[in-house]
Amino acid sequence: DMAGNVWEWCQDSYQKDYYRKSPSKDPFNAFPSKYKVLRGGCWNSDRGKVRSAYRNYDLLTDRHLEIGFRCAW
């Protein structure tokens, strides 16, 4: 588990109210958006944000030391 290392990019597009209307099982937001979801917190996050359930977002084109990715198979 790499929680707290860097924020991890997710494939989902970000919409503030997506989970209010999404399917309850395996929701995936493919809506075209310039914002993508980040999860997991990073080394300088508050303790409450260092968990996979915490959702953040950023422009897909932004680059920061706190953002990375995890290879999932």
N, C-alpha and C. Protein backbone atom coordinates (compact mmCIF):
# COMPACT_ATOMS: atom_id res chain seq x y z
N ASP A 1 0.84 -1.18 0.00
CA ASP A 1 0.00 0.00 0.00
C ASP A 1 0.89 1.24 0.00
N MET A 2 0.61 2.13 -0.92
CA MET A 2 1.44 3.34 -1.07
C MET A 2 0.72 4.59 -0.57
N ALA A 3 -0.36 4.45 0.18
CA ALA A 3 -1.11 5.61 0.66
C ALA A 3 -0.18 6.57 1.40
N GLY A 4 -0.29 7.83 1.06
CA GLY A 4 0.52 8.84 1.71
C GLY A 4 1.84 9.14 1.02
N ASN A 5 2.21 8.38 0.02
CA ASN A 5 3.44 8.65 -0.71
C ASN A 5 3.21 9.85 -1.63
N VAL A 6 2.40 9.67 -2.66
CA VAL A 6 1.98 10.76 -3.55
C VAL A 6 0.50 10.57 -3.89
N TRP A 7 -0.17 11.65 -4.27
CA TRP A 7 -1.53 11.52 -4.79
C TRP A 7 -1.45 10.65 -6.04
N GLU A 8 -2.42 9.77 -6.21
CA GLU A 8 -2.42 8.87 -7.37
C GLU A 8 -3.51 9.26 -8.35
N TRP A 9 -3.12 9.42 -9.61
CA TRP A 9 -4.10 9.70 -10.66
C TRP A 9 -5.05 8.51 -10.80
N CYS A 10 -6.31 8.81 -11.05
CA CYS A 10 -7.31 7.78 -11.35
C CYS A 10 -7.84 8.05 -12.75
N GLN A 11 -8.42 7.04 -13.34
CA GLN A 11 -8.95 7.17 -14.70
C GLN A 11 -10.22 8.02 -14.73
N ASP A 12 -10.92 8.13 -13.62
CA ASP A 12 -12.19 8.84 -13.56
C ASP A 12 -12.04 10.34 -13.79
N SER A 13 -12.98 10.90 -14.53
CA SER A 13 -13.08 12.35 -14.64
C SER A 13 -13.73 12.88 -13.37
N TYR A 14 -13.43 14.12 -13.02
CA TYR A 14 -13.97 14.70 -11.79
C TYR A 14 -15.23 15.50 -12.07
N GLN A 15 -16.27 15.22 -11.32
CA GLN A 15 -17.49 16.03 -11.24
C GLN A 15 -17.88 16.06 -9.77
N LYS A 16 -18.12 17.24 -9.25
CA LYS A 16 -18.38 17.41 -7.82
C LYS A 16 -19.50 16.50 -7.31
N ASP A 17 -20.59 16.41 -8.03
CA ASP A 17 -21.76 15.66 -7.56
C ASP A 17 -21.91 14.28 -8.20
N TYR A 18 -20.86 13.74 -8.77
CA TYR A 18 -20.97 12.48 -9.51
C TYR A 18 -21.50 11.34 -8.66
N TYR A 19 -21.05 11.20 -7.43
CA TYR A 19 -21.46 10.06 -6.60
C TYR A 19 -22.91 10.14 -6.15
N ARG A 20 -23.55 11.25 -6.28
CA ARG A 20 -24.99 11.34 -5.95
C ARG A 20 -25.85 10.61 -6.95
N LYS A 21 -25.38 10.50 -8.19
CA LYS A 21 -26.19 9.88 -9.24
C LYS A 21 -25.51 8.68 -9.90
N SER A 22 -24.36 8.27 -9.39
CA SER A 22 -23.62 7.17 -10.01
C SER A 22 -24.14 5.81 -9.52
N PRO A 23 -23.79 4.74 -10.25
CA PRO A 23 -24.13 3.40 -9.76
C PRO A 23 -23.42 3.14 -8.43
N SER A 24 -24.01 2.36 -7.57
CA SER A 24 -23.39 2.10 -6.27
C SER A 24 -22.24 1.11 -6.36
N LYS A 25 -22.24 0.26 -7.39
CA LYS A 25 -21.18 -0.73 -7.54
C LYS A 25 -20.24 -0.32 -8.68
N ASP A 26 -18.97 -0.22 -8.38
CA ASP A 26 -17.92 0.11 -9.36
C ASP A 26 -18.24 1.32 -10.23
N PRO A 27 -18.51 2.47 -9.63
CA PRO A 27 -18.80 3.66 -10.45
C PRO A 27 -17.57 4.10 -11.24
N PHE A 28 -17.78 4.50 -12.46
CA PHE A 28 -16.70 5.02 -13.30
C PHE A 28 -17.23 6.22 -14.07
N ASN A 29 -16.58 7.34 -13.94
CA ASN A 29 -17.02 8.57 -14.60
C ASN A 29 -16.17 8.80 -15.85
N ALA A 30 -16.77 8.51 -17.00
CA ALA A 30 -16.07 8.68 -18.28
C ALA A 30 -16.43 10.01 -18.94
N PHE A 31 -17.18 10.87 -18.24
CA PHE A 31 -17.58 12.16 -18.78
C PHE A 31 -16.33 12.96 -19.18
N PRO A 32 -16.31 13.52 -20.38
CA PRO A 32 -15.14 14.30 -20.80
C PRO A 32 -14.92 15.52 -19.88
N SER A 33 -13.76 15.62 -19.31
CA SER A 33 -13.45 16.72 -18.40
C SER A 33 -11.95 16.97 -18.42
N LYS A 34 -11.56 18.21 -18.17
CA LYS A 34 -10.13 18.52 -18.09
C LYS A 34 -9.58 18.19 -16.70
N TYR A 35 -10.49 17.83 -15.76
CA TYR A 35 -10.08 17.46 -14.41
C TYR A 35 -10.19 15.95 -14.22
N LYS A 36 -9.18 15.37 -13.57
CA LYS A 36 -9.18 13.94 -13.25
C LYS A 36 -9.07 13.77 -11.74
N VAL A 37 -9.54 12.63 -11.27
CA VAL A 37 -9.56 12.32 -9.84
C VAL A 37 -8.17 11.91 -9.35
N LEU A 38 -7.85 12.35 -8.16
CA LEU A 38 -6.64 11.95 -7.44
C LEU A 38 -7.07 11.29 -6.13
N ARG A 39 -6.37 10.26 -5.71
CA ARG A 39 -6.69 9.59 -4.44
C ARG A 39 -5.43 9.24 -3.67
N GLY A 40 -5.59 9.03 -2.37
CA GLY A 40 -4.52 8.47 -1.54
C GLY A 40 -3.73 9.46 -0.71
N GLY A 41 -3.87 10.74 -0.93
CA GLY A 41 -3.09 11.70 -0.18
C GLY A 41 -1.61 11.62 -0.53
N CYS A 42 -0.82 12.46 0.10
CA CYS A 42 0.62 12.46 -0.16
C CYS A 42 1.38 12.76 1.12
N TRP A 43 2.68 12.81 1.00
CA TRP A 43 3.56 12.99 2.15
C TRP A 43 3.30 14.26 2.94
N ASN A 44 2.69 15.29 2.35
CA ASN A 44 2.42 16.51 3.11
C ASN A 44 0.93 16.76 3.32
N SER A 45 0.11 15.71 3.17
CA SER A 45 -1.34 15.83 3.38
C SER A 45 -1.70 15.72 4.86
N ASP A 46 -2.85 16.29 5.21
CA ASP A 46 -3.40 16.09 6.54
C ASP A 46 -3.70 14.60 6.73
N ARG A 47 -3.65 14.13 7.94
CA ARG A 47 -3.85 12.71 8.24
C ARG A 47 -5.17 12.17 7.69
N GLY A 48 -6.23 12.95 7.71
CA GLY A 48 -7.54 12.50 7.23
C GLY A 48 -7.61 12.29 5.72
N LYS A 49 -6.66 12.83 4.98
CA LYS A 49 -6.65 12.70 3.52
C LYS A 49 -5.81 11.52 3.03
N VAL A 50 -5.07 10.89 3.93
CA VAL A 50 -4.17 9.81 3.53
C VAL A 50 -4.93 8.48 3.59
N ARG A 51 -5.87 8.32 2.68
CA ARG A 51 -6.65 7.09 2.55
C ARG A 51 -7.24 7.05 1.16
N SER A 52 -7.45 5.88 0.62
CA SER A 52 -7.91 5.76 -0.77
C SER A 52 -9.32 6.29 -0.97
N ALA A 53 -10.12 6.36 0.08
CA ALA A 53 -11.49 6.86 -0.05
C ALA A 53 -11.55 8.38 -0.22
N TYR A 54 -10.49 9.08 0.15
CA TYR A 54 -10.49 10.54 0.01
C TYR A 54 -10.24 10.91 -1.44
N ARG A 55 -11.12 11.74 -1.98
CA ARG A 55 -11.05 12.09 -3.40
C ARG A 55 -10.66 13.55 -3.57
N ASN A 56 -9.72 13.81 -4.42
CA ASN A 56 -9.28 15.14 -4.78
C ASN A 56 -9.28 15.21 -6.31
N TYR A 57 -8.89 16.33 -6.88
CA TYR A 57 -8.83 16.43 -8.34
C TYR A 57 -7.82 17.49 -8.74
N ASP A 58 -7.41 17.42 -10.00
CA ASP A 58 -6.50 18.41 -10.56
C ASP A 58 -6.61 18.35 -12.07
N LEU A 59 -6.07 19.37 -12.71
CA LEU A 59 -6.00 19.34 -14.17
C LEU A 59 -5.06 18.23 -14.59
N LEU A 60 -5.44 17.48 -15.58
CA LEU A 60 -4.61 16.37 -16.03
C LEU A 60 -3.25 16.84 -16.54
N THR A 61 -3.17 18.07 -16.97
CA THR A 61 -1.92 18.61 -17.51
C THR A 61 -0.98 19.16 -16.43
N ASP A 62 -1.46 19.28 -15.18
CA ASP A 62 -0.62 19.81 -14.10
C ASP A 62 0.42 18.80 -13.65
N ARG A 63 1.55 19.29 -13.22
CA ARG A 63 2.62 18.45 -12.70
C ARG A 63 3.07 19.01 -11.35
N HIS A 64 3.11 18.16 -10.35
CA HIS A 64 3.53 18.55 -9.01
C HIS A 64 4.34 17.41 -8.40
N LEU A 65 5.19 17.72 -7.44
CA LEU A 65 5.96 16.70 -6.74
C LEU A 65 5.06 15.76 -5.94
N GLU A 66 3.86 16.21 -5.60
CA GLU A 66 2.94 15.43 -4.77
C GLU A 66 2.05 14.49 -5.58
N ILE A 67 2.15 14.50 -6.91
CA ILE A 67 1.27 13.69 -7.76
C ILE A 67 2.07 12.65 -8.52
N GLY A 68 1.59 11.43 -8.50
CA GLY A 68 2.23 10.34 -9.23
C GLY A 68 1.19 9.37 -9.75
N PHE A 69 1.59 8.16 -9.98
CA PHE A 69 0.63 7.14 -10.42
C PHE A 69 1.10 5.79 -9.92
N ARG A 70 0.18 4.86 -9.90
CA ARG A 70 0.47 3.50 -9.46
C ARG A 70 0.08 2.56 -10.58
N CYS A 71 0.96 1.67 -10.93
CA CYS A 71 0.64 0.66 -11.95
C CYS A 71 -0.23 -0.41 -11.31
N ALA A 72 -1.42 -0.60 -11.82
CA ALA A 72 -2.34 -1.62 -11.30
C ALA A 72 -2.59 -2.64 -12.40
N TRP A 73 -2.55 -3.87 -12.03
CA TRP A 73 -2.72 -4.94 -13.01
C TRP A 73 -4.04 -5.59 -12.85
